[in-house]
Protein backbone atom coordinates (compact mmCIF):
# COMPACT_ATOMS: atom_id res chain seq x y z
CA MET A 1 83.47 57.00 79.58
CA LYS A 2 87.02 58.38 79.70
CA ARG A 3 89.81 58.73 76.99
CA ASN A 4 93.28 59.98 77.64
CA LEU A 5 94.65 61.97 74.76
CA VAL A 6 98.55 62.43 75.11
CA ALA A 7 100.79 64.59 73.12
CA SER A 8 104.54 64.91 74.21
CA ALA A 9 105.24 67.95 72.25
CA GLY A 10 104.78 71.35 73.70
CA LEU A 11 101.91 73.28 75.16
CA LEU A 12 98.49 73.80 74.32
CA VAL A 13 95.78 75.50 71.93
CA SER A 14 96.09 77.86 68.86
CA LEU A 15 95.68 81.69 68.63
CA MET A 16 94.45 83.73 65.67
CA THR A 17 97.69 84.22 63.22
CA LEU A 18 100.86 82.68 64.48
CA SER A 19 103.31 84.95 62.83
CA ALA A 20 106.51 83.71 64.25
CA CYS A 21 108.49 81.40 62.17
CA PHE A 22 109.75 77.91 63.02
CA GLY A 23 112.06 75.30 62.42
CA SER A 24 110.66 72.24 60.47
CA VAL A 25 108.87 69.72 63.02
CA SER A 26 108.52 65.97 62.12
CA SER A 27 105.78 64.51 64.15
CA SER A 28 104.21 60.82 64.53
CA VAL A 29 100.74 60.20 65.75
CA SER A 30 99.55 56.88 66.99
CA SER A 31 96.51 55.33 68.98
CA SER A 32 95.60 52.48 70.92
CA VAL A 33 92.13 51.28 71.99
CA ALA A 34 92.01 49.37 75.07
CA SER A 35 88.90 47.21 75.98
CA SER A 36 87.57 49.76 78.80
CA THR A 37 86.91 51.93 75.50
CA SER A 38 89.91 54.18 76.79
CA SER A 39 92.29 55.49 73.94
CA VAL A 40 95.74 57.03 73.96
CA ILE A 41 96.90 59.42 71.21
CA SER A 42 100.69 60.48 71.65
CA SER A 43 102.71 62.72 69.74
CA SER A 44 106.59 63.34 69.76
CA SER A 45 108.10 66.48 67.88
CA SER A 46 111.85 67.76 67.58
CA GLU A 47 112.81 71.03 68.98
CA SER A 48 111.59 74.08 68.06
CA SER A 49 112.48 77.68 68.77
CA VAL A 50 110.58 80.97 68.96
CA SER A 51 112.21 83.25 66.53
CA SER A 52 110.35 86.36 67.69
CA SER A 53 111.45 85.66 71.11
CA GLU A 54 114.90 85.26 72.99
CA SER A 55 113.49 82.06 74.57
CA THR A 56 113.94 78.55 73.21
CA VAL A 57 111.30 75.42 73.85
CA SER A 58 111.96 72.06 73.22
CA SER A 59 109.45 68.89 73.40
CA SER A 60 110.13 66.04 75.82
CA ASP A 61 110.96 62.87 74.77
CA SER A 62 108.30 60.17 76.07
CA SER A 63 110.44 57.10 75.47
CA SER A 64 112.47 57.23 78.51
CA SER A 65 112.43 54.04 80.46
CA VAL A 66 112.84 56.03 83.71
CA ASP A 67 108.99 57.32 85.02
CA PRO A 68 108.94 60.91 85.27
CA VAL A 69 108.10 62.57 89.03
CA ILE A 70 105.07 64.60 88.11
CA THR A 71 104.17 67.44 90.49
CA LYS A 72 101.34 69.75 89.96
CA THR A 73 101.82 73.53 90.56
CA ASP A 74 99.71 76.16 91.31
CA LEU A 75 100.57 78.41 87.87
CA VAL A 76 97.03 77.73 87.15
CA SER A 77 94.15 78.24 89.42
CA GLY A 78 91.20 75.68 90.34
CA PHE A 79 88.07 76.35 89.14
CA GLU A 80 86.31 76.61 92.32
CA MET A 81 87.81 79.43 93.46
CA VAL A 82 85.83 82.30 92.04
CA GLY A 83 85.82 84.18 95.32
CA TRP A 84 81.79 83.60 95.58
CA ARG A 85 79.88 80.43 96.03
CA SER A 86 76.74 79.45 96.86
CA PHE A 87 75.06 77.47 99.71
CA ILE A 88 71.58 75.06 99.83
CA ASN A 89 69.93 72.85 101.92
CA ASN A 90 70.44 69.98 99.83
CA TRP A 91 69.70 67.69 102.51
CA ASP A 92 66.04 68.70 102.21
CA GLY A 93 66.28 67.96 98.47
CA THR A 94 67.08 71.69 97.50
CA VAL A 95 68.78 71.53 93.94
CA ALA A 96 70.71 74.42 92.52
CA THR A 97 73.63 75.74 90.15
CA SER A 98 75.61 78.65 90.45
CA GLY A 99 78.78 80.53 89.03
CA VAL A 100 79.99 83.80 87.20
CA VAL A 101 78.07 84.32 84.08
CA ASP A 102 78.72 87.20 81.97
CA GLY A 103 80.02 89.34 84.86
CA GLU A 104 77.31 88.36 87.44
CA PHE A 105 77.20 85.56 89.96
CA VAL A 106 74.03 83.89 89.36
CA MET A 107 72.53 81.12 91.39
CA ASN A 108 69.46 79.14 89.63
CA VAL A 109 67.42 77.10 91.97
CA THR A 110 65.01 74.38 90.27
CA ASN A 111 63.82 72.69 93.08
CA TYR A 112 62.82 74.20 97.08
CA PRO A 113 61.11 71.60 98.89
CA SER A 114 61.66 73.23 102.45
CA ASN A 115 61.99 77.14 103.33
CA ALA A 116 61.99 76.83 106.98
CA ASN A 117 65.26 78.88 107.38
CA SER A 118 66.25 82.11 105.48
CA TRP A 119 69.92 80.72 105.27
CA HIS A 120 68.77 77.79 103.40
CA LEU A 121 69.66 79.71 100.17
CA GLN A 122 72.66 81.57 100.33
CA ILE A 123 75.63 83.25 98.19
CA ILE A 124 78.56 83.44 100.25
CA GLN A 125 82.15 85.12 99.90
CA ASP A 126 84.50 83.02 102.39
CA THR A 127 87.71 81.18 102.79
CA ILE A 128 85.97 78.08 100.69
CA ALA A 129 84.90 80.24 97.89
CA LEU A 130 88.51 82.22 97.92
CA GLY A 131 90.09 78.80 98.18
CA LEU A 132 91.97 79.38 101.56
CA GLU A 133 92.82 77.40 104.42
CA GLY A 134 90.11 77.45 107.07
CA PRO A 135 87.49 75.79 108.91
CA VAL A 136 85.38 72.82 107.14
CA ASP A 137 82.43 75.14 107.00
CA GLY A 138 84.45 78.38 105.84
CA THR A 139 85.17 81.75 107.67
CA GLY A 140 84.37 84.95 106.74
CA VAL A 141 87.34 87.23 105.12
CA LEU A 142 85.91 90.98 105.82
CA GLU A 143 88.65 92.96 107.54
CA LEU A 144 86.41 95.82 109.16
CA THR A 145 87.66 98.41 111.74
CA PRO A 146 85.70 98.66 115.44
CA ALA A 147 83.39 101.41 115.55
CA THR A 148 83.20 102.48 112.04
CA THR A 149 80.24 103.13 109.64
CA TYR A 150 80.28 101.45 106.31
CA THR A 151 78.00 101.30 103.25
CA LEU A 152 77.27 97.90 101.18
CA SER A 153 76.47 98.63 97.60
CA PHE A 154 75.56 96.15 95.55
CA ASP A 155 73.55 95.32 92.13
CA ALA A 156 70.77 92.73 91.94
CA TYR A 157 67.70 91.18 90.43
CA ALA A 158 65.71 88.03 89.99
CA SER A 159 63.60 86.18 87.86
CA GLU A 160 60.37 87.24 90.27
CA ALA A 161 59.85 89.25 92.92
CA LEU A 162 61.73 88.11 96.29
CA THR A 163 63.75 89.51 99.29
CA LEU A 164 67.45 89.26 99.23
CA SER A 165 68.63 89.74 102.50
CA PRO A 166 72.47 90.97 102.93
CA LYS A 167 74.27 89.46 106.05
CA VAL A 168 77.36 90.83 107.52
CA TYR A 169 78.27 89.08 111.13
CA SER A 170 81.27 86.79 112.77
CA THR A 171 80.37 83.63 114.12
CA ASN A 172 82.21 84.61 117.20
CA ASP A 173 78.98 86.46 118.26
CA TYR A 174 76.59 86.43 115.29
CA THR A 175 75.85 89.87 115.74
CA MET A 176 73.79 90.84 112.84
CA LEU A 177 75.07 94.18 111.35
CA ILE A 178 72.45 94.48 108.60
CA GLU A 179 68.99 93.74 109.64
CA THR A 180 66.80 94.55 106.57
CA GLY A 181 66.45 93.16 102.96
CA ALA A 182 66.46 94.22 99.40
CA SER A 183 63.15 93.92 97.61
CA LEU A 184 64.35 92.30 93.83
CA THR A 185 62.19 92.72 90.95
CA THR A 186 63.12 91.21 87.52
CA THR A 187 65.15 94.87 86.78
CA LYS A 188 68.98 95.01 87.89
CA THR A 189 68.66 97.55 90.81
CA ASN A 190 71.52 98.89 92.87
CA PHE A 191 70.86 98.73 96.66
CA GLU A 192 72.81 100.22 99.53
CA PHE A 193 72.82 99.49 103.27
CA VAL A 194 74.54 101.07 105.95
CA PHE A 195 76.09 99.60 108.70
CA THR A 196 78.17 100.32 112.18
CA THR A 197 80.51 97.99 113.78
CA GLY A 198 80.82 97.55 117.17
CA ALA A 199 83.82 98.26 119.73
CA VAL A 200 85.22 94.83 118.80
CA VAL A 201 85.53 93.00 115.24
CA HIS A 202 86.79 89.69 114.86
CA GLY A 203 88.71 89.73 111.68
CA ASN A 204 86.30 86.96 110.50
CA GLU A 205 82.94 88.55 109.83
CA PHE A 206 81.10 86.88 106.66
CA LEU A 207 79.62 88.50 103.73
CA LYS A 208 76.45 86.78 102.68
CA PHE A 209 73.19 87.09 100.74
CA GLU A 210 70.39 85.16 101.89
CA PHE A 211 66.96 84.50 100.19
CA GLY A 212 65.41 81.26 101.50
CA SER A 213 62.30 82.52 102.63
CA ILE A 214 60.75 82.39 99.35
CA PRO A 215 57.94 79.79 98.93
CA THR A 216 58.90 76.24 98.24
CA PHE A 217 58.32 74.76 94.56
CA ALA A 218 59.34 72.09 92.31
CA ASP A 219 58.10 72.78 88.91
CA LYS A 220 60.07 76.22 87.96
CA THR A 221 63.43 77.73 88.21
CA VAL A 222 64.25 80.79 90.33
CA THR A 223 67.21 82.88 89.52
CA VAL A 224 69.07 85.48 91.50
CA ALA A 225 71.90 87.43 90.20
CA ILE A 226 74.29 89.72 91.92
CA ASP A 227 77.23 92.12 90.96
CA ASN A 228 79.26 95.16 91.73
CA VAL A 229 79.33 94.19 95.54
CA ILE A 230 81.23 96.94 97.30
CA ILE A 231 81.89 98.06 101.12
CA THR A 232 83.08 101.54 101.53
CA ASP A 233 84.16 103.46 104.54
CA ALA A 234 82.92 106.90 105.34
CA THR A 235 85.58 108.32 103.02
CA GLU A 236 83.68 106.38 100.05
CA THR A 237 87.04 104.13 99.67
CA PRO A 238 86.15 100.61 98.84
CA ILE A 239 87.64 98.32 101.44
CA ASP A 240 90.14 95.79 100.01
CA SER A 241 88.71 92.63 101.35
CA VAL A 242 85.72 92.36 99.06
CA TYR A 243 87.38 90.19 96.27
CA ASN A 244 86.21 89.82 92.54
CA SER A 245 83.66 92.46 93.71
CA ASP A 246 82.57 93.23 90.05
CA MET A 247 82.54 89.34 88.85
CA ALA A 248 84.73 90.36 85.92
CA THR A 249 86.80 87.47 86.25
CA GLU A 250 86.20 83.54 86.82
CA ASN A 251 89.49 83.53 88.68
CA GLY A 252 91.65 83.77 85.38
CA HIS A 253 89.78 81.55 83.34
CA THR A 254 88.21 83.62 80.51
CA PHE A 255 85.63 83.10 77.62
CA ASP A 256 86.60 85.42 74.79
CA GLY A 257 83.77 85.74 72.03
CA ALA A 258 86.13 87.10 69.52
CA GLY A 259 85.10 88.13 66.26
CA GLU A 260 81.93 86.42 65.23
CA GLY A 261 82.01 83.84 67.67
CA ALA A 262 79.45 83.94 70.99
CA GLY A 263 78.78 81.73 74.16
CA THR A 264 79.06 81.80 77.87
CA LEU A 265 81.42 80.44 80.47
CA VAL A 266 80.27 79.35 83.92
CA VAL A 267 82.50 78.45 86.80
CA ASP A 268 80.39 76.10 89.25
CA GLY A 269 81.29 73.09 91.36
CA GLY A 270 84.70 72.69 90.41
CA VAL A 271 84.41 72.97 86.69
CA ALA A 272 84.14 75.55 83.96
CA ILE A 273 81.20 75.06 81.42
CA ILE A 274 81.42 76.57 78.24
CA ASN A 275 78.63 76.81 76.01
CA VAL A 276 79.24 77.87 72.47
CA THR A 277 76.29 79.29 70.81
CA THR A 278 78.05 80.71 67.60
CA LEU A 279 80.93 79.99 65.43
CA GLY A 280 82.97 82.80 63.73
CA GLY A 281 85.05 82.04 60.54
CA GLN A 282 88.43 81.64 62.71
CA PRO A 283 89.70 78.96 64.98
CA TYR A 284 89.88 81.79 67.74
CA THR A 285 86.28 82.79 67.25
CA PRO A 286 85.53 81.88 70.14
CA HIS A 287 88.20 80.84 72.53
CA TYR A 288 88.88 80.15 76.11
CA TYR A 289 92.04 80.92 77.79
CA TYR A 290 94.19 81.40 80.90
CA MET A 291 97.18 83.68 81.52
CA VAL A 292 100.12 82.53 83.09
CA PRO A 293 102.43 85.55 84.07
CA THR A 294 105.67 83.95 84.58
CA LEU A 295 106.90 80.38 83.43
CA ALA A 296 110.61 79.70 84.90
CA ALA A 297 112.82 77.50 82.69
CA GLY A 298 112.15 73.80 83.33
CA THR A 299 110.25 71.18 82.01
CA TYR A 300 106.39 70.85 82.37
CA ARG A 301 103.36 68.99 81.82
CA LEU A 302 99.93 71.02 80.53
CA GLN A 303 97.01 68.88 81.44
CA VAL A 304 93.46 69.62 80.42
CA VAL A 305 90.55 67.28 81.14
CA ILE A 306 87.48 67.89 78.98
CA THR A 307 83.85 66.61 78.17
CA SER A 308 82.17 67.75 74.90
CA SER A 309 78.57 67.32 74.21
CA VAL A 310 79.24 66.60 70.36
CA THR A 311 81.81 65.01 68.24
CA ARG A 312 84.26 67.74 66.98
CA ASP A 313 87.87 68.54 66.72
CA LEU A 314 89.38 71.14 68.69
CA ARG A 315 92.72 72.88 68.94
CA LEU A 316 95.20 73.65 72.01
CA ASN A 317 97.94 76.10 71.98
CA ALA A 318 100.20 78.25 74.30
CA VAL A 319 101.51 81.66 72.71
CA LEU A 320 103.32 84.70 73.75
CA PRO A 321 101.04 87.82 73.02
CA ASN A 322 104.17 89.86 73.98
CA ALA A 323 106.56 88.21 71.18
CA GLY A 324 104.18 88.63 68.18
CA TRP A 325 101.77 85.86 69.42
CA GLY A 326 104.51 83.07 68.66
CA SER A 327 103.44 79.66 69.62
CA ILE A 328 105.55 77.72 71.98
CA LEU A 329 104.09 74.57 70.56
CA PRO A 330 106.42 72.77 67.86
CA GLY A 331 104.39 72.69 64.83
CA THR A 332 102.56 75.68 66.10
CA LYS A 333 99.11 74.04 67.13
CA PHE A 334 97.92 70.76 68.75
CA ASP A 335 94.62 69.23 67.03
CA PHE A 336 92.60 66.72 68.66
CA ASN A 337 89.39 64.89 68.40
CA VAL A 338 86.79 64.64 71.09
CA GLU A 339 84.07 62.10 71.27
CA ALA A 340 80.32 63.27 72.65
CA ASP A 341 79.73 62.73 76.31
CA VAL A 342 83.53 61.24 76.56
CA GLU A 343 85.71 62.59 79.23
CA GLU A 344 88.79 63.34 77.71
CA THR A 345 92.34 63.87 79.31
CA VAL A 346 94.99 65.50 77.07
CA PHE A 347 98.59 66.40 78.33
CA VAL A 348 101.37 67.86 76.70
CA ASP A 349 105.12 67.63 78.16
CA PHE A 350 107.45 70.93 77.19
CA THR A 351 110.44 72.36 78.07
CA VAL A 352 111.12 75.95 78.63
CA ALA A 353 114.94 76.94 77.94
CA THR A 354 114.78 80.36 79.55
CA GLU A 355 112.10 82.12 81.68
CA LEU A 356 108.95 83.13 79.62
CA THR A 357 106.21 86.15 80.68
CA ASN A 358 102.85 86.40 79.83
CA VAL A 359 102.04 83.11 78.37
CA LYS A 360 98.46 82.39 76.99
CA ILE A 361 97.16 78.89 77.22
CA GLU A 362 94.25 78.70 74.92
CA LEU A 363 91.57 76.41 73.63
CA ASP A 364 89.96 77.19 70.26
CA LEU A 365 86.31 76.37 70.27
CA GLY A 366 85.75 78.48 66.46
CA THR A 367 85.97 76.89 62.77
CA LEU A 368 88.93 75.24 62.55
CA GLY A 369 89.16 74.83 58.89
CA GLY A 370 90.06 72.40 56.45
CA THR A 371 88.73 68.74 57.19
CA LEU A 372 88.44 69.38 60.57
CA VAL A 373 85.18 68.89 62.33
CA SER A 374 83.90 72.23 64.20
CA GLU A 375 80.51 72.32 65.84
CA LEU A 376 78.48 74.31 68.38
CA GLY A 377 78.32 72.63 71.76
CA THR A 378 78.73 72.28 75.40
CA PHE A 379 82.27 71.86 76.77
CA THR A 380 82.92 71.05 80.54
CA LEU A 381 86.62 71.61 81.74
CA SER A 382 87.05 70.10 84.68
CA GLU A 383 90.86 70.51 85.02
CA VAL A 384 93.35 73.20 83.48
CA ALA A 385 96.62 72.28 85.46
CA LEU A 386 100.51 72.68 84.76
CA TYR A 387 102.78 70.13 86.34
CA THR A 388 106.69 69.98 86.68
CA VAL A 389 108.38 67.05 85.21
CA GLU A 390 111.30 65.65 86.64
């Protein structure tokens, strides 16, 4: 099921202590339930200003009879572009999930009926993983120098002993620059492989890790995790064309287990999956956030599509960390309710009078307090996006 939650007010989520002072805000909330079990919640608010900042933010009026032109911006990255991706022989029935978890790229294989080729299970960095233009099957992004010796270094472990084979090659000639594999155990271990390029490089060399030669299975989970993937030259200087090598970022989408809060965020298959395992005593313990470096003057729509495993209340906000954590939402926050296993679409229209910098979009998953319901659960974000409204 799907629901639409619409707020014509200001940006999203809340932060810890919002110290900025706001003018009075009047708001009204109405809801309607259609026969398709979808509902719309709308809110309109008067203009507000951030006293700790030179900027003024006002809410848009959704009562206009002219339909706005909504255009998606690239201010918020999609969930599919973490720099790394998995590949499986799903045509044989293989099932797997993957993503960045706690600073590692983790691939979990839960069904593997055919092991005919090592390349049937792969971890890859290429144009697809980075969200770049390229062929439908992707192409490599390594930038190497001809006749040069390099060292590939990485940390890896697995749920059981297996061989992980690193691959560096171009599809122009399929010359494998590394021919050996790493013997993984359940202990995280550093591995190094030295390789030398030929007289010609093509500028589209792949970086991959294969482990498809493992025995077939259908009744367990095999996990492989990699981290700290670095290629250095003879001067031990890391090359620039290995991206997100330390798996420290989910392409800007970040989970913060602040205070007593705890959980994980996994980016996989075009969604971000947040599993909250401990609630702290504050709304922001824990929380999800995304930093927008610069927001030019204009009218925007911030849209979030979320599915929750539990029925509870959540809090959206947008704050200015460099301006006393002041919210740019009239009312300083937007609280809304989600039903278990229902996809909710929430969007907020807002106007920025002058350019803002370092805007923090936040979803609070902790204890909201009062009569609001706060529960542990799994929350799947299939979209966090900024649109222009004209």
